Amino acid sequence: VTIEGRNALKFSSLEECCDWLRQKNVRVIGIEIAENAENIETEPFNHRIAFMLGNEGEGMSEKQRKCCDSFLVISQYGGGTSSLNV
């Protein structure tokens, strides 16, 4: 598939996409506020990464979380709601 002059891949499922990424030695890392999430500031980024992001209201679905190899959290400052607008 070509979108705006660039090649793009289309997958029939999220799992198929994540499997393809892993075959290419790409880690799938979820950006999520979770107990097992490491702070993004400590991630060395010394490997290929694909970021998985959820929606603003509910975050990532269970299906998305299951596809992730690990999770990172982005520190947020201030008194507002913890949210990453995507």
C-alpha atoms as a PDB file:
ATOM      1  CA  VAL A   1       0.000   0.000   0.000  1.00  0.00           C
ATOM      2  CA  THR A   2       1.277   3.498  -0.805  1.00  0.00           C
ATOM      3  CA  ILE A   3       0.093   6.475   1.244  1.00  0.00           C
ATOM      4  CA  GLU A   4       1.173   9.979   0.195  1.00  0.00           C
ATOM      5  CA  GLY A   5       4.063   8.520  -1.802  1.00  0.00           C
ATOM      6  CA  ARG A   6       5.338   6.323   1.032  1.00  0.00           C
ATOM      7  CA  ASN A   7       5.171   2.563   1.332  1.00  0.00           C
ATOM      8  CA  ALA A   8       2.990   1.305   4.163  1.00  0.00           C
ATOM      9  CA  LEU A   9       2.184  -2.189   5.411  1.00  0.00           C
ATOM     10  CA  LYS A  10      -1.313  -3.290   6.285  1.00  0.00           C
ATOM     11  CA  PHE A  11      -1.936  -6.116   8.753  1.00  0.00           C
ATOM     12  CA  SER A  12      -5.132  -8.042   9.370  1.00  0.00           C
ATOM     13  CA  SER A  13      -4.675  -7.961  13.151  1.00  0.00           C
ATOM     14  CA  LEU A  14      -2.690  -6.303  15.905  1.00  0.00           C
ATOM     15  CA  GLU A  15      -1.085  -9.641  16.754  1.00  0.00           C
ATOM     16  CA  GLU A  16       0.060 -10.106  13.159  1.00  0.00           C
ATOM     17  CA  CYS A  17       1.657  -6.660  13.209  1.00  0.00           C
ATOM     18  CA  CYS A  18       3.448  -7.330  16.525  1.00  0.00           C
ATOM     19  CA  ASP A  19       4.697 -10.710  15.279  1.00  0.00           C
ATOM     20  CA  TRP A  20       6.058  -9.062  12.119  1.00  0.00           C
ATOM     21  CA  LEU A  21       7.838  -6.417  14.200  1.00  0.00           C
ATOM     22  CA  ARG A  22       9.441  -9.064  16.430  1.00  0.00           C
ATOM     23  CA  GLN A  23      10.654 -10.966  13.359  1.00  0.00           C
ATOM     24  CA  LYS A  24      12.441  -7.732  12.422  1.00  0.00           C
ATOM     25  CA  ASN A  25      14.018  -7.567  15.929  1.00  0.00           C
ATOM     26  CA  VAL A  26      11.818  -4.676  16.992  1.00  0.00           C
ATOM     27  CA  ARG A  27      10.609  -4.546  20.606  1.00  0.00           C
ATOM     28  CA  VAL A  28       7.011  -3.443  21.147  1.00  0.00           C
ATOM     29  CA  ILE A  29       6.933  -1.066  24.110  1.00  0.00           C
ATOM     30  CA  GLY A  30       3.696   0.260  25.531  1.00  0.00           C
ATOM     31  CA  ILE A  31       3.507   3.828  26.804  1.00  0.00           C
ATOM     32  CA  GLU A  32       1.237   3.333  29.778  1.00  0.00           C
ATOM     33  CA  ILE A  33       0.756   4.326  33.397  1.00  0.00           C
ATOM     34  CA  ALA A  34       1.202   0.852  34.904  1.00  0.00           C
ATOM     35  CA  GLU A  35       2.838  -0.658  37.981  1.00  0.00           C
ATOM     36  CA  ASN A  36       5.366  -2.575  35.885  1.00  0.00           C
ATOM     37  CA  ALA A  37       6.281   0.421  33.699  1.00  0.00           C
ATOM     38  CA  GLU A  38       9.826   1.786  33.776  1.00  0.00           C
ATOM     39  CA  ASN A  39      10.420   5.523  33.548  1.00  0.00           C
ATOM     40  CA  ILE A  40      11.141   6.562  29.972  1.00  0.00           C
ATOM     41  CA  GLU A  41      14.057   8.667  31.234  1.00  0.00           C
ATOM     42  CA  THR A  42      15.928   5.478  32.238  1.00  0.00           C
ATOM     43  CA  GLU A  43      15.394   3.627  28.921  1.00  0.00           C
ATOM     44  CA  PRO A  44      18.727   3.369  27.061  1.00  0.00           C
ATOM     45  CA  PHE A  45      17.034   3.095  23.616  1.00  0.00           C
ATOM     46  CA  ASN A  46      19.814   0.834  22.364  1.00  0.00           C
ATOM     47  CA  HIS A  47      17.539  -1.374  20.263  1.00  0.00           C
ATOM     48  CA  ARG A  48      14.830  -1.024  17.645  1.00  0.00           C
ATOM     49  CA  ILE A  49      11.488  -0.011  19.179  1.00  0.00           C
ATOM     50  CA  ALA A  50       7.872   0.380  18.139  1.00  0.00           C
ATOM     51  CA  PHE A  51       5.739   2.332  20.597  1.00  0.00           C
ATOM     52  CA  MET A  52       2.193   1.202  21.386  1.00  0.00           C
ATOM     53  CA  LEU A  53      -0.111   4.011  22.518  1.00  0.00           C
ATOM     54  CA  GLY A  54      -3.657   3.861  23.821  1.00  0.00           C
ATOM     55  CA  ASN A  55      -6.400   6.425  23.603  1.00  0.00           C
ATOM     56  CA  GLU A  56      -6.759   9.418  25.879  1.00  0.00           C
ATOM     57  CA  GLY A  57      -9.846   8.244  27.723  1.00  0.00           C
ATOM     58  CA  GLU A  58      -9.101   4.596  28.495  1.00  0.00           C
ATOM     59  CA  GLY A  59      -5.442   4.055  27.665  1.00  0.00           C
ATOM     60  CA  MET A  60      -4.478   0.779  26.031  1.00  0.00           C
ATOM     61  CA  SER A  61      -6.869  -2.113  25.672  1.00  0.00           C
ATOM     62  CA  GLU A  62      -6.070  -5.528  27.149  1.00  0.00           C
ATOM     63  CA  LYS A  63      -5.363  -6.761  23.614  1.00  0.00           C
ATOM     64  CA  GLN A  64      -2.788  -3.993  23.151  1.00  0.00           C
ATOM     65  CA  ARG A  65      -1.164  -4.651  26.537  1.00  0.00           C
ATOM     66  CA  LYS A  66      -0.786  -8.356  25.710  1.00  0.00           C
ATOM     67  CA  CYS A  67       1.169  -7.464  22.556  1.00  0.00           C
ATOM     68  CA  CYS A  68       3.717  -5.365  24.444  1.00  0.00           C
ATOM     69  CA  ASP A  69       7.125  -6.676  25.452  1.00  0.00           C
ATOM     70  CA  SER A  70       7.448  -4.061  28.188  1.00  0.00           C
ATOM     71  CA  PHE A  71       6.062  -0.714  29.299  1.00  0.00           C
ATOM     72  CA  LEU A  72       7.404   2.790  29.772  1.00  0.00           C
ATOM     73  CA  VAL A  73       5.790   5.658  31.612  1.00  0.00           C
ATOM     74  CA  ILE A  74       6.347   9.320  30.809  1.00  0.00           C
ATOM     75  CA  SER A  75       6.644  11.474  33.917  1.00  0.00           C
ATOM     76  CA  GLN A  76       3.989  14.141  34.113  1.00  0.00           C
ATOM     77  CA  TYR A  77       4.141  17.234  36.235  1.00  0.00           C
ATOM     78  CA  GLY A  78       1.455  19.469  37.599  1.00  0.00           C
ATOM     79  CA  GLY A  79      -1.947  18.916  39.135  1.00  0.00           C
ATOM     80  CA  GLY A  80      -3.844  17.862  36.030  1.00  0.00           C
ATOM     81  CA  THR A  81      -5.073  14.455  34.997  1.00  0.00           C
ATOM     82  CA  SER A  82      -2.431  11.918  34.000  1.00  0.00           C
ATOM     83  CA  SER A  83      -2.974  11.737  30.264  1.00  0.00           C
ATOM     84  CA  LEU A  84      -1.003  11.453  27.059  1.00  0.00           C
ATOM     85  CA  ASN A  85      -2.948  13.009  24.206  1.00  0.00           C
ATOM     86  CA  VAL A  86      -2.588  10.903  21.067  1.00  0.00           C
END
